[in-house]
Amino acid sequence: MKKYLFLLFVVFMMTGCGNSQKLICTFDDESEDIKKYSKIEVKVKDDRVADMKFTVDMIFPDEYRSQLTDIANSVRSSKPYMKVSLINGGIRLVTDNDKDSFIGIKMNQKITYGELKGMLELQDYVCE
């Protein structure tokens, strides 16, 4: 009996519950005095994109800080799928698990963890 349980355990460990890996990559940029800190988190399960979260923190120069609420409201109305919040000196934009795609990655796209990492690094992301 123990022998069968051990074999069952070995088979389970070898096949697992589906191969799942999480890739986290960042990209920092500054244009027109606006600093942008981007972070993408992608879960790859069985060589398919299973979940994504894309966060961008935008830090504005002092002369725009009085307009942050208006800027945030404008983004909310034009991009209803984004979660928009005010942060110290700027706004945070978060897109969760978009059903279509963003930054060129489609949900349920067939891609390996290594291919995805390579693609993001070609776009100047730094991946963990």
N, C-alpha and C. Protein backbone atom coordinates (compact mmCIF):
# COMPACT_ATOMS: atom_id res chain seq x y z
N MET A 1 0.83 -1.19 0.00
CA MET A 1 0.00 0.00 0.00
C MET A 1 0.88 1.26 0.00
N LYS A 2 1.93 1.26 0.84
CA LYS A 2 2.81 2.40 0.90
C LYS A 2 3.50 2.62 -0.45
N LYS A 3 3.82 1.51 -1.12
CA LYS A 3 4.48 1.61 -2.42
C LYS A 3 3.58 2.34 -3.42
N TYR A 4 2.29 2.05 -3.42
CA TYR A 4 1.35 2.70 -4.34
C TYR A 4 1.16 4.17 -3.99
N LEU A 5 1.10 4.48 -2.71
CA LEU A 5 0.99 5.87 -2.30
C LEU A 5 2.24 6.66 -2.71
N PHE A 6 3.41 6.02 -2.56
CA PHE A 6 4.65 6.68 -2.96
C PHE A 6 4.66 6.93 -4.47
N LEU A 7 4.25 5.94 -5.28
CA LEU A 7 4.19 6.11 -6.73
C LEU A 7 3.19 7.20 -7.12
N LEU A 8 2.06 7.24 -6.45
CA LEU A 8 1.07 8.28 -6.72
C LEU A 8 1.65 9.65 -6.40
N PHE A 9 2.36 9.77 -5.29
CA PHE A 9 3.00 11.03 -4.89
C PHE A 9 4.04 11.45 -5.93
N VAL A 10 4.87 10.52 -6.41
CA VAL A 10 5.90 10.84 -7.41
C VAL A 10 5.25 11.32 -8.71
N VAL A 11 4.20 10.63 -9.15
CA VAL A 11 3.50 11.04 -10.38
C VAL A 11 2.91 12.43 -10.20
N PHE A 12 2.31 12.70 -9.07
CA PHE A 12 1.73 14.01 -8.79
C PHE A 12 2.80 15.09 -8.80
N MET A 13 3.94 14.84 -8.20
CA MET A 13 5.02 15.82 -8.15
C MET A 13 5.59 16.08 -9.54
N MET A 14 5.65 15.05 -10.37
CA MET A 14 6.21 15.22 -11.71
C MET A 14 5.25 15.99 -12.62
N THR A 15 3.96 15.74 -12.48
CA THR A 15 3.00 16.43 -13.34
C THR A 15 2.52 17.72 -12.71
N GLY A 16 2.48 17.78 -11.40
CA GLY A 16 2.05 18.99 -10.71
C GLY A 16 0.59 19.29 -10.98
N CYS A 17 0.20 20.50 -10.59
CA CYS A 17 -1.18 20.95 -10.80
C CYS A 17 -1.22 21.94 -11.95
N GLY A 18 -0.35 21.77 -12.89
CA GLY A 18 -0.24 22.73 -13.99
C GLY A 18 0.99 23.59 -13.75
N ASN A 19 1.76 23.76 -14.78
CA ASN A 19 2.98 24.55 -14.69
C ASN A 19 2.61 26.02 -14.67
N SER A 20 2.88 26.71 -13.55
CA SER A 20 2.51 28.11 -13.41
C SER A 20 3.70 28.92 -12.92
N GLN A 21 3.98 30.04 -13.61
CA GLN A 21 5.06 30.93 -13.21
C GLN A 21 4.57 32.36 -13.29
N LYS A 22 5.11 33.22 -12.43
CA LYS A 22 4.73 34.62 -12.44
C LYS A 22 5.96 35.45 -12.83
N LEU A 23 5.78 36.30 -13.82
CA LEU A 23 6.85 37.15 -14.30
C LEU A 23 6.53 38.58 -13.89
N ILE A 24 7.50 39.27 -13.28
CA ILE A 24 7.34 40.66 -12.86
C ILE A 24 8.43 41.47 -13.53
N CYS A 25 8.02 42.49 -14.28
CA CYS A 25 8.97 43.34 -15.00
C CYS A 25 8.64 44.81 -14.77
N THR A 26 9.67 45.65 -14.77
CA THR A 26 9.49 47.08 -14.56
C THR A 26 10.16 47.88 -15.66
N PHE A 27 9.68 49.11 -15.82
CA PHE A 27 10.24 50.02 -16.81
C PHE A 27 10.02 51.44 -16.30
N ASP A 28 11.09 52.23 -16.23
CA ASP A 28 11.01 53.61 -15.79
C ASP A 28 11.33 54.52 -16.96
N ASP A 29 10.59 55.64 -17.04
CA ASP A 29 10.74 56.55 -18.17
C ASP A 29 10.42 57.96 -17.71
N GLU A 30 10.99 58.94 -18.39
CA GLU A 30 10.66 60.33 -18.12
C GLU A 30 10.54 61.05 -19.45
N SER A 31 9.39 61.71 -19.63
CA SER A 31 9.19 62.50 -20.84
C SER A 31 8.41 63.75 -20.46
N GLU A 32 8.84 64.88 -20.99
CA GLU A 32 8.21 66.16 -20.69
C GLU A 32 8.04 66.36 -19.19
N ASP A 33 9.05 66.04 -18.43
CA ASP A 33 9.08 66.21 -16.97
C ASP A 33 8.10 65.33 -16.21
N ILE A 34 7.43 64.40 -16.88
CA ILE A 34 6.55 63.45 -16.20
C ILE A 34 7.32 62.14 -16.06
N LYS A 35 7.46 61.70 -14.82
CA LYS A 35 8.16 60.44 -14.55
C LYS A 35 7.13 59.32 -14.54
N LYS A 36 7.46 58.23 -15.26
CA LYS A 36 6.55 57.08 -15.34
C LYS A 36 7.28 55.83 -14.84
N TYR A 37 6.65 55.16 -13.90
CA TYR A 37 7.18 53.92 -13.35
C TYR A 37 6.16 52.83 -13.66
N SER A 38 6.53 51.93 -14.56
CA SER A 38 5.61 50.88 -15.00
C SER A 38 6.02 49.54 -14.41
N LYS A 39 5.02 48.75 -14.09
CA LYS A 39 5.25 47.39 -13.58
C LYS A 39 4.20 46.48 -14.19
N ILE A 40 4.66 45.40 -14.79
CA ILE A 40 3.73 44.42 -15.34
C ILE A 40 3.97 43.09 -14.63
N GLU A 41 2.87 42.47 -14.24
CA GLU A 41 2.91 41.15 -13.62
C GLU A 41 2.08 40.23 -14.50
N VAL A 42 2.70 39.16 -14.96
CA VAL A 42 2.02 38.22 -15.85
C VAL A 42 2.17 36.82 -15.30
N LYS A 43 1.07 36.14 -15.18
CA LYS A 43 1.08 34.74 -14.77
C LYS A 43 0.97 33.89 -16.03
N VAL A 44 1.93 32.98 -16.19
CA VAL A 44 1.93 32.05 -17.32
C VAL A 44 1.65 30.66 -16.75
N LYS A 45 0.58 30.04 -17.24
CA LYS A 45 0.21 28.70 -16.77
C LYS A 45 0.07 27.80 -17.98
N ASP A 46 0.80 26.71 -17.96
CA ASP A 46 0.78 25.75 -19.07
C ASP A 46 1.04 26.45 -20.41
N ASP A 47 2.04 27.33 -20.42
CA ASP A 47 2.45 28.07 -21.62
C ASP A 47 1.33 28.92 -22.21
N ARG A 48 0.49 29.47 -21.36
CA ARG A 48 -0.57 30.40 -21.77
C ARG A 48 -0.62 31.55 -20.77
N VAL A 49 -0.90 32.75 -21.27
CA VAL A 49 -1.07 33.90 -20.39
C VAL A 49 -2.37 33.69 -19.63
N ALA A 50 -2.26 33.61 -18.30
CA ALA A 50 -3.43 33.30 -17.48
C ALA A 50 -3.95 34.52 -16.73
N ASP A 51 -3.09 35.48 -16.43
CA ASP A 51 -3.51 36.64 -15.65
C ASP A 51 -2.47 37.74 -15.86
N MET A 52 -2.95 38.98 -15.89
CA MET A 52 -2.03 40.11 -16.05
C MET A 52 -2.48 41.27 -15.17
N LYS A 53 -1.50 42.04 -14.75
CA LYS A 53 -1.76 43.28 -14.03
C LYS A 53 -0.70 44.28 -14.48
N PHE A 54 -1.14 45.44 -14.93
CA PHE A 54 -0.23 46.47 -15.42
C PHE A 54 -0.46 47.73 -14.60
N THR A 55 0.59 48.22 -13.94
CA THR A 55 0.50 49.39 -13.08
C THR A 55 1.47 50.46 -13.58
N VAL A 56 0.97 51.69 -13.70
CA VAL A 56 1.82 52.81 -14.08
C VAL A 56 1.61 53.93 -13.07
N ASP A 57 2.70 54.36 -12.43
CA ASP A 57 2.68 55.53 -11.57
C ASP A 57 3.24 56.69 -12.37
N MET A 58 2.47 57.76 -12.47
CA MET A 58 2.90 58.95 -13.20
C MET A 58 3.08 60.08 -12.19
N ILE A 59 4.30 60.59 -12.10
CA ILE A 59 4.62 61.67 -11.17
C ILE A 59 4.78 62.95 -11.99
N PHE A 60 4.00 63.97 -11.64
CA PHE A 60 3.95 65.20 -12.40
C PHE A 60 4.80 66.30 -11.75
N PRO A 61 5.27 67.26 -12.56
CA PRO A 61 5.98 68.42 -12.00
C PRO A 61 5.04 69.23 -11.10
N ASP A 62 5.62 70.01 -10.23
CA ASP A 62 4.84 70.79 -9.25
C ASP A 62 3.74 71.63 -9.88
N GLU A 63 4.00 72.22 -11.04
CA GLU A 63 3.00 73.12 -11.65
C GLU A 63 1.73 72.40 -12.09
N TYR A 64 1.74 71.08 -12.18
CA TYR A 64 0.55 70.31 -12.57
C TYR A 64 -0.17 69.67 -11.38
N ARG A 65 0.43 69.73 -10.23
CA ARG A 65 -0.12 68.98 -9.09
C ARG A 65 -1.50 69.47 -8.66
N SER A 66 -1.81 70.73 -8.89
CA SER A 66 -3.15 71.23 -8.54
C SER A 66 -4.21 70.67 -9.49
N GLN A 67 -3.79 70.09 -10.62
CA GLN A 67 -4.72 69.57 -11.62
C GLN A 67 -4.85 68.04 -11.57
N LEU A 68 -4.23 67.40 -10.59
CA LEU A 68 -4.21 65.93 -10.57
C LEU A 68 -5.60 65.31 -10.53
N THR A 69 -6.51 65.89 -9.76
CA THR A 69 -7.86 65.34 -9.69
C THR A 69 -8.54 65.41 -11.05
N ASP A 70 -8.37 66.53 -11.75
CA ASP A 70 -8.96 66.67 -13.10
C ASP A 70 -8.33 65.67 -14.07
N ILE A 71 -7.02 65.50 -13.98
CA ILE A 71 -6.34 64.54 -14.86
C ILE A 71 -6.85 63.13 -14.59
N ALA A 72 -6.95 62.77 -13.31
CA ALA A 72 -7.44 61.44 -12.93
C ALA A 72 -8.87 61.23 -13.43
N ASN A 73 -9.73 62.22 -13.27
CA ASN A 73 -11.12 62.10 -13.73
C ASN A 73 -11.19 61.97 -15.25
N SER A 74 -10.33 62.66 -15.95
CA SER A 74 -10.29 62.56 -17.41
C SER A 74 -9.91 61.14 -17.85
N VAL A 75 -8.92 60.56 -17.18
CA VAL A 75 -8.52 59.19 -17.51
C VAL A 75 -9.66 58.22 -17.18
N ARG A 76 -10.30 58.41 -16.02
CA ARG A 76 -11.42 57.54 -15.64
C ARG A 76 -12.52 57.53 -16.70
N SER A 77 -12.83 58.70 -17.24
CA SER A 77 -13.92 58.76 -18.22
C SER A 77 -13.50 58.22 -19.59
N SER A 78 -12.23 58.38 -19.95
CA SER A 78 -11.80 57.90 -21.27
C SER A 78 -11.33 56.44 -21.26
N LYS A 79 -10.93 55.94 -20.12
CA LYS A 79 -10.43 54.57 -19.99
C LYS A 79 -11.14 53.88 -18.81
N PRO A 80 -12.41 53.55 -18.94
CA PRO A 80 -13.16 53.01 -17.80
C PRO A 80 -12.63 51.68 -17.27
N TYR A 81 -11.86 50.94 -18.06
CA TYR A 81 -11.30 49.67 -17.60
C TYR A 81 -10.11 49.86 -16.66
N MET A 82 -9.58 51.07 -16.57
CA MET A 82 -8.44 51.34 -15.68
C MET A 82 -8.92 51.80 -14.32
N LYS A 83 -8.22 51.33 -13.30
CA LYS A 83 -8.44 51.85 -11.95
C LYS A 83 -7.49 53.03 -11.80
N VAL A 84 -8.01 54.17 -11.42
CA VAL A 84 -7.21 55.38 -11.31
C VAL A 84 -7.27 55.87 -9.87
N SER A 85 -6.10 56.16 -9.30
CA SER A 85 -6.07 56.71 -7.95
C SER A 85 -4.98 57.78 -7.86
N LEU A 86 -5.18 58.68 -6.91
CA LEU A 86 -4.19 59.72 -6.67
C LEU A 86 -3.11 59.16 -5.74
N ILE A 87 -1.87 59.47 -6.06
CA ILE A 87 -0.74 59.11 -5.20
C ILE A 87 0.05 60.37 -4.93
N ASN A 88 1.03 60.31 -4.08
CA ASN A 88 1.83 61.47 -3.74
C ASN A 88 2.52 62.04 -4.99
N GLY A 89 2.04 63.20 -5.46
CA GLY A 89 2.65 63.86 -6.60
C GLY A 89 2.20 63.36 -7.95
N GLY A 90 1.19 62.49 -7.99
CA GLY A 90 0.80 61.96 -9.29
C GLY A 90 -0.44 61.10 -9.24
N ILE A 91 -0.55 60.24 -10.24
CA ILE A 91 -1.67 59.31 -10.33
C ILE A 91 -1.16 57.90 -10.60
N ARG A 92 -1.93 56.92 -10.19
CA ARG A 92 -1.62 55.51 -10.45
C ARG A 92 -2.72 54.95 -11.35
N LEU A 93 -2.29 54.28 -12.40
CA LEU A 93 -3.20 53.63 -13.34
C LEU A 93 -2.98 52.12 -13.24
N VAL A 94 -4.04 51.38 -13.05
CA VAL A 94 -3.94 49.93 -12.93
C VAL A 94 -4.93 49.27 -13.87
N THR A 95 -4.41 48.36 -14.70
CA THR A 95 -5.25 47.55 -15.56
C THR A 95 -5.08 46.10 -15.12
N ASP A 96 -6.18 45.50 -14.71
CA ASP A 96 -6.17 44.10 -14.26
C ASP A 96 -6.80 43.21 -15.30
N ASN A 97 -6.10 42.14 -15.65
CA ASN A 97 -6.69 41.04 -16.39
C ASN A 97 -7.61 41.50 -17.52
N ASP A 98 -7.12 42.43 -18.32
CA ASP A 98 -7.91 42.91 -19.45
C ASP A 98 -8.28 41.73 -20.34
N LYS A 99 -9.51 41.64 -20.73
CA LYS A 99 -9.99 40.48 -21.50
C LYS A 99 -9.39 40.42 -22.90
N ASP A 100 -8.90 41.53 -23.39
CA ASP A 100 -8.35 41.57 -24.73
C ASP A 100 -6.83 41.51 -24.66
N SER A 101 -6.19 42.65 -24.61
CA SER A 101 -4.73 42.68 -24.54
C SER A 101 -4.25 44.06 -24.15
N PHE A 102 -3.01 44.12 -23.70
CA PHE A 102 -2.33 45.39 -23.54
C PHE A 102 -0.84 45.15 -23.67
N ILE A 103 -0.13 46.17 -24.03
CA ILE A 103 1.30 46.16 -24.40
C ILE A 103 1.65 44.97 -25.27
N GLY A 104 0.75 44.61 -26.16
CA GLY A 104 1.04 43.55 -27.12
C GLY A 104 0.89 42.14 -26.61
N ILE A 105 0.34 41.95 -25.43
CA ILE A 105 0.15 40.60 -24.87
C ILE A 105 -1.34 40.32 -24.79
N LYS A 106 -1.77 39.22 -25.38
CA LYS A 106 -3.18 38.86 -25.35
C LYS A 106 -3.44 37.83 -24.26
N MET A 107 -4.60 37.96 -23.63
CA MET A 107 -4.99 36.95 -22.64
C MET A 107 -5.10 35.60 -23.33
N ASN A 108 -4.67 34.59 -22.66
CA ASN A 108 -4.71 33.20 -23.12
C ASN A 108 -3.78 32.96 -24.31
N GLN A 109 -2.91 33.93 -24.59
CA GLN A 109 -1.93 33.78 -25.68
C GLN A 109 -0.99 32.63 -25.35
N LYS A 110 -0.67 31.81 -26.32
CA LYS A 110 0.27 30.72 -26.12
C LYS A 110 1.68 31.29 -26.18
N ILE A 111 2.38 31.21 -25.07
CA ILE A 111 3.74 31.75 -24.97
C ILE A 111 4.40 31.13 -23.75
N THR A 112 5.67 30.84 -23.85
CA THR A 112 6.38 30.31 -22.70
C THR A 112 6.85 31.46 -21.81
N TYR A 113 7.18 31.13 -20.60
CA TYR A 113 7.71 32.12 -19.66
C TYR A 113 8.95 32.78 -20.25
N GLY A 114 9.86 31.99 -20.82
CA GLY A 114 11.10 32.52 -21.39
C GLY A 114 10.85 33.42 -22.59
N GLU A 115 9.89 33.05 -23.44
CA GLU A 115 9.55 33.88 -24.60
C GLU A 115 8.97 35.22 -24.15
N LEU A 116 8.09 35.17 -23.16
CA LEU A 116 7.47 36.38 -22.64
C LEU A 116 8.52 37.30 -22.02
N LYS A 117 9.40 36.72 -21.23
CA LYS A 117 10.47 37.50 -20.60
C LYS A 117 11.34 38.16 -21.67
N GLY A 118 11.71 37.40 -22.68
CA GLY A 118 12.53 37.94 -23.77
C GLY A 118 11.83 39.07 -24.51
N MET A 119 10.52 38.90 -24.76
CA MET A 119 9.76 39.93 -25.46
C MET A 119 9.71 41.23 -24.66
N LEU A 120 9.47 41.11 -23.36
CA LEU A 120 9.41 42.30 -22.51
C LEU A 120 10.78 42.97 -22.38
N GLU A 121 11.82 42.17 -22.28
CA GLU A 121 13.17 42.74 -22.19
C GLU A 121 13.56 43.45 -23.48
N LEU A 122 13.05 43.01 -24.63
CA LEU A 122 13.29 43.71 -25.89
C LEU A 122 12.61 45.08 -25.89
N GLN A 123 11.57 45.23 -25.08
CA GLN A 123 10.88 46.51 -24.94
C GLN A 123 11.46 47.33 -23.79
N ASP A 124 12.67 46.98 -23.35
CA ASP A 124 13.42 47.68 -22.29
C ASP A 124 12.87 47.49 -20.88
N TYR A 125 12.04 46.47 -20.67
CA TYR A 125 11.62 46.14 -19.30
C TYR A 125 12.76 45.39 -18.63
N VAL A 126 12.83 45.54 -17.31
CA VAL A 126 13.79 44.80 -16.50
C VAL A 126 12.98 43.76 -15.73
N CYS A 127 13.28 42.49 -15.93
CA CYS A 127 12.48 41.41 -15.34
C CYS A 127 13.27 40.74 -14.22
N GLU A 128 12.51 40.35 -13.19
CA GLU A 128 13.10 39.66 -12.05
C GLU A 128 13.38 38.22 -12.39
